[in-house]
PDB file of N, CA and C in Angstrom:
ATOM      1  N   MET A   1      91.249  93.467 101.009  1.00  0.00           N
ATOM      2  CA  MET A   1      90.195  94.320 100.519  1.00  0.00           C
ATOM      3  C   MET A   1      89.398  94.914 101.678  1.00  0.00           C
ATOM      4  N   LEU A   2      89.225  94.137 102.712  1.00  0.00           N
ATOM      5  CA  LEU A   2      88.527  94.647 103.889  1.00  0.00           C
ATOM      6  C   LEU A   2      89.322  95.784 104.521  1.00  0.00           C
ATOM      7  N   LYS A   3      90.642  95.684 104.445  1.00  0.00           N
ATOM      8  CA  LYS A   3      91.519  96.733 104.972  1.00  0.00           C
ATOM      9  C   LYS A   3      91.261  98.062 104.256  1.00  0.00           C
ATOM     10  N   TYR A   4      91.156  98.022 102.930  1.00  0.00           N
ATOM     11  CA  TYR A   4      90.907  99.244 102.173  1.00  0.00           C
ATOM     12  C   TYR A   4      89.518  99.807 102.456  1.00  0.00           C
ATOM     13  N   SER A   5      88.556  98.924 102.659  1.00  0.00           N
ATOM     14  CA  SER A   5      87.211  99.367 102.992  1.00  0.00           C
ATOM     15  C   SER A   5      87.211 100.133 104.320  1.00  0.00           C
ATOM     16  N   ILE A   6      87.930  99.615 105.306  1.00  0.00           N
ATOM     17  CA  ILE A   6      88.008 100.288 106.604  1.00  0.00           C
ATOM     18  C   ILE A   6      88.750 101.610 106.482  1.00  0.00           C
ATOM     19  N   ILE A   7      89.811 101.648 105.663  1.00  0.00           N
ATOM     20  CA  ILE A   7      90.556 102.895 105.458  1.00  0.00           C
ATOM     21  C   ILE A   7      89.655 103.962 104.850  1.00  0.00           C
ATOM     22  N   PHE A   8      88.881 103.610 103.819  1.00  0.00           N
ATOM     23  CA  PHE A   8      87.979 104.581 103.208  1.00  0.00           C
ATOM     24  C   PHE A   8      86.884 105.018 104.174  1.00  0.00           C
ATOM     25  N   LEU A   9      86.430 104.110 105.035  1.00  0.00           N
ATOM     26  CA  LEU A   9      85.432 104.472 106.033  1.00  0.00           C
ATOM     27  C   LEU A   9      85.996 105.494 107.019  1.00  0.00           C
ATOM     28  N   ILE A  10      87.225 105.301 107.446  1.00  0.00           N
ATOM     29  CA  ILE A  10      87.866 106.259 108.356  1.00  0.00           C
ATOM     30  C   ILE A  10      88.058 107.602 107.671  1.00  0.00           C
ATOM     31  N   ILE A  11      88.456 107.580 106.402  1.00  0.00           N
ATOM     32  CA  ILE A  11      88.596 108.830 105.645  1.00  0.00           C
ATOM     33  C   ILE A  11      87.256 109.552 105.565  1.00  0.00           C
ATOM     34  N   ALA A  12      86.182 108.791 105.336  1.00  0.00           N
ATOM     35  CA  ALA A  12      84.849 109.389 105.250  1.00  0.00           C
ATOM     36  C   ALA A  12      84.441 110.021 106.577  1.00  0.00           C
ATOM     37  N   ILE A  13      84.727 109.351 107.679  1.00  0.00           N
ATOM     38  CA  ILE A  13      84.359 109.891 108.995  1.00  0.00           C
ATOM     39  C   ILE A  13      85.140 111.160 109.290  1.00  0.00           C
ATOM     40  N   VAL A  14      86.440 111.152 109.016  1.00  0.00           N
ATOM     41  CA  VAL A  14      87.267 112.332 109.265  1.00  0.00           C
ATOM     42  C   VAL A  14      86.819 113.495 108.377  1.00  0.00           C
ATOM     43  N   ALA A  15      86.540 113.214 107.109  1.00  0.00           N
ATOM     44  CA  ALA A  15      86.101 114.267 106.199  1.00  0.00           C
ATOM     45  C   ALA A  15      84.754 114.833 106.630  1.00  0.00           C
ATOM     46  N   ALA A  16      83.860 113.986 107.115  1.00  0.00           N
ATOM     47  CA  ALA A  16      82.551 114.459 107.570  1.00  0.00           C
ATOM     48  C   ALA A  16      82.692 115.339 108.806  1.00  0.00           C
ATOM     49  N   VAL A  17      83.584 114.962 109.709  1.00  0.00           N
ATOM     50  CA  VAL A  17      83.792 115.760 110.918  1.00  0.00           C
ATOM     51  C   VAL A  17      84.368 117.126 110.555  1.00  0.00           C
ATOM     52  N   LEU A  18      85.234 117.160 109.543  1.00  0.00           N
ATOM     53  CA  LEU A  18      85.856 118.420 109.144  1.00  0.00           C
ATOM     54  C   LEU A  18      84.964 119.240 108.211  1.00  0.00           C
ATOM     55  N   GLY A  19      83.848 118.682 107.778  1.00  0.00           N
ATOM     56  CA  GLY A  19      82.892 119.447 106.984  1.00  0.00           C
ATOM     57  C   GLY A  19      83.010 119.274 105.481  1.00  0.00           C
ATOM     58  N   PHE A  20      83.760 118.307 105.033  1.00  0.00           N
ATOM     59  CA  PHE A  20      83.888 118.061 103.600  1.00  0.00           C
ATOM     60  C   PHE A  20      82.874 117.006 103.184  1.00  0.00           C
ATOM     61  N   GLY A  21      81.669 117.441 102.897  1.00  0.00           N
ATOM     62  CA  GLY A  21      80.571 116.513 102.621  1.00  0.00           C
ATOM     63  C   GLY A  21      80.740 115.716 101.356  1.00  0.00           C
ATOM     64  N   GLY A  22      81.233 116.338 100.289  1.00  0.00           N
ATOM     65  CA  GLY A  22      81.405 115.629  99.023  1.00  0.00           C
ATOM     66  C   GLY A  22      82.436 114.533  99.112  1.00  0.00           C
ATOM     67  N   ILE A  23      83.545 114.853  99.739  1.00  0.00           N
ATOM     68  CA  ILE A  23      84.606 113.855  99.899  1.00  0.00           C
ATOM     69  C   ILE A  23      84.131 112.741 100.819  1.00  0.00           C
ATOM     70  N   ALA A  24      83.415 113.097 101.870  1.00  0.00           N
ATOM     71  CA  ALA A  24      82.915 112.090 102.809  1.00  0.00           C
ATOM     72  C   ALA A  24      81.929 111.149 102.119  1.00  0.00           C
ATOM     73  N   GLY A  25      81.052 111.692 101.310  1.00  0.00           N
ATOM     74  CA  GLY A  25      80.086 110.854 100.593  1.00  0.00           C
ATOM     75  C   GLY A  25      80.744 109.919  99.604  1.00  0.00           C
ATOM     76  N   THR A  26      81.739 110.439  98.891  1.00  0.00           N
ATOM     77  CA  THR A  26      82.458 109.614  97.918  1.00  0.00           C
ATOM     78  C   THR A  26      83.235 108.499  98.612  1.00  0.00           C
ATOM     79  N   ALA A  27      83.937 108.837  99.687  1.00  0.00           N
ATOM     80  CA  ALA A  27      84.710 107.829 100.414  1.00  0.00           C
ATOM     81  C   ALA A  27      83.788 106.783 101.042  1.00  0.00           C
ATOM     82  N   ALA A  28      82.637 107.203 101.538  1.00  0.00           N
ATOM     83  CA  ALA A  28      81.691 106.249 102.106  1.00  0.00           C
ATOM     84  C   ALA A  28      81.138 105.323 101.022  1.00  0.00           C
ATOM     85  N   GLY A  29      80.878 105.868  99.847  1.00  0.00           N
ATOM     86  CA  GLY A  29      80.408 105.036  98.738  1.00  0.00           C
ATOM     87  C   GLY A  29      81.440 104.015  98.304  1.00  0.00           C
ATOM     88  N   ILE A  30      82.689 104.442  98.205  1.00  0.00           N
ATOM     89  CA  ILE A  30      83.766 103.522  97.840  1.00  0.00           C
ATOM     90  C   ILE A  30      83.915 102.449  98.907  1.00  0.00           C
ATOM     91  N   SER A  31      83.830 102.854 100.163  1.00  0.00           N
ATOM     92  CA  SER A  31      83.943 101.903 101.263  1.00  0.00           C
ATOM     93  C   SER A  31      82.833 100.858 101.201  1.00  0.00           C
ATOM     94  N   LYS A  32      81.631 101.307 100.895  1.00  0.00           N
ATOM     95  CA  LYS A  32      80.491 100.388 100.809  1.00  0.00           C
ATOM     96  C   LYS A  32      80.681  99.389  99.662  1.00  0.00           C
ATOM     97  N   ILE A  33      81.139  99.871  98.518  1.00  0.00           N
ATOM     98  CA  ILE A  33      81.358  98.993  97.364  1.00  0.00           C
ATOM     99  C   ILE A  33      82.437  97.961  97.674  1.00  0.00           C
ATOM    100  N   LEU A  34      83.551  98.419  98.252  1.00  0.00           N
ATOM    101  CA  LEU A  34      84.631  97.492  98.581  1.00  0.00           C
ATOM    102  C   LEU A  34      84.188  96.450  99.599  1.00  0.00           C
ATOM    103  N   PHE A  35      83.360  96.855 100.561  1.00  0.00           N
ATOM    104  CA  PHE A  35      82.885  95.907 101.557  1.00  0.00           C
ATOM    105  C   PHE A  35      82.019  94.828 100.921  1.00  0.00           C
ATOM    106  N   PHE A  36      81.128  95.213 100.018  1.00  0.00           N
ATOM    107  CA  PHE A  36      80.268  94.221  99.376  1.00  0.00           C
ATOM    108  C   PHE A  36      81.056  93.311  98.451  1.00  0.00           C
ATOM    109  N   VAL A  37      82.075  93.839  97.774  1.00  0.00           N
ATOM    110  CA  VAL A  37      82.935  92.994  96.952  1.00  0.00           C
ATOM    111  C   VAL A  37      83.673  91.994  97.841  1.00  0.00           C
ATOM    112  N   PHE A  38      84.149  92.468  99.010  1.00  0.00           N
ATOM    113  CA  PHE A  38      84.795  91.568  99.957  1.00  0.00           C
ATOM    114  C   PHE A  38      83.838  90.459 100.389  1.00  0.00           C
ATOM    115  N   LEU A  39      82.594  90.809 100.707  1.00  0.00           N
ATOM    116  CA  LEU A  39      81.629  89.794 101.132  1.00  0.00           C
ATOM    117  C   LEU A  39      81.374  88.758 100.041  1.00  0.00           C
ATOM    118  N   VAL A  40      81.229  89.209  98.801  1.00  0.00           N
ATOM    119  CA  VAL A  40      80.981  88.287  97.701  1.00  0.00           C
ATOM    120  C   VAL A  40      82.167  87.350  97.521  1.00  0.00           C
ATOM    121  N   LEU A  41      83.379  87.899  97.532  1.00  0.00           N
ATOM    122  CA  LEU A  41      84.559  87.057  97.369  1.00  0.00           C
ATOM    123  C   LEU A  41      84.735  86.097  98.541  1.00  0.00           C
ATOM    124  N   PHE A  42      84.383  86.535  99.739  1.00  0.00           N
ATOM    125  CA  PHE A  42      84.472  85.670 100.914  1.00  0.00           C
ATOM    126  C   PHE A  42      83.508  84.496 100.806  1.00  0.00           C
ATOM    127  N   VAL A  43      82.282  84.764 100.394  1.00  0.00           N
ATOM    128  CA  VAL A  43      81.291  83.689 100.242  1.00  0.00           C
ATOM    129  C   VAL A  43      81.711  82.727  99.133  1.00  0.00           C
ATOM    130  N   ILE A  44      82.228  83.255  98.037  1.00  0.00           N
ATOM    131  CA  ILE A  44      82.689  82.396  96.948  1.00  0.00           C
ATOM    132  C   ILE A  44      83.841  81.519  97.415  1.00  0.00           C
ATOM    133  N   SER A  45      84.751  82.096  98.182  1.00  0.00           N
ATOM    134  CA  SER A  45      85.868  81.290  98.676  1.00  0.00           C
ATOM    135  C   SER A  45      85.415  80.239  99.685  1.00  0.00           C
ATOM    136  N   LEU A  46      84.357  80.523 100.433  1.00  0.00           N
ATOM    137  CA  LEU A  46      83.820  79.512 101.339  1.00  0.00           C
ATOM    138  C   LEU A  46      83.190  78.352 100.563  1.00  0.00           C
ATOM    139  N   ILE A  47      82.486  78.686  99.501  1.00  0.00           N
ATOM    140  CA  ILE A  47      81.801  77.650  98.723  1.00  0.00           C
ATOM    141  C   ILE A  47      82.787  76.820  97.907  1.00  0.00           C
ATOM    142  N   PHE A  48      83.713  77.495  97.225  1.00  0.00           N
ATOM    143  CA  PHE A  48      84.633  76.799  96.333  1.00  0.00           C
ATOM    144  C   PHE A  48      86.045  76.689  96.915  1.00  0.00           C
ATOM    145  N   GLY A  49      86.137  76.694  98.239  1.00  0.00           N
ATOM    146  CA  GLY A  49      87.431  76.624  98.907  1.00  0.00           C
ATOM    147  C   GLY A  49      88.091  75.281  98.744  1.00  0.00           C
ATOM    148  N   ARG A  50      89.138  75.077  99.493  1.00  0.00           N
ATOM    149  CA  ARG A  50      89.878  73.809  99.426  1.00  0.00           C
ATOM    150  C   ARG A  50      88.990  72.655  99.861  1.00  0.00           C
ATOM    151  N   LYS A  51      89.085  71.599  99.105  1.00  0.00           N
ATOM    152  CA  LYS A  51      88.370  70.374  99.456  1.00  0.00           C
ATOM    153  C   LYS A  51      89.353  69.431 100.139  1.00  0.00           C
ATOM    154  N   ARG A  52      88.912  68.811 101.190  1.00  0.00           N
ATOM    155  CA  ARG A  52      89.807  67.873 101.898  1.00  0.00           C
ATOM    156  C   ARG A  52      89.738  66.499 101.322  1.00  0.00           C
TER     157      ARG A  52
END
């Protein structure tokens, strides 16, 4: 999921450089959502991970 977040961030940067503001904003928003979902799932996996 972090991989997709980084991909959308790169798409947003490239679109912003080329002047496509709407696409850049949408891709940045998707990237932000995916990053926060990744963080939540990461914290949950740390808390409820494998018990030794």
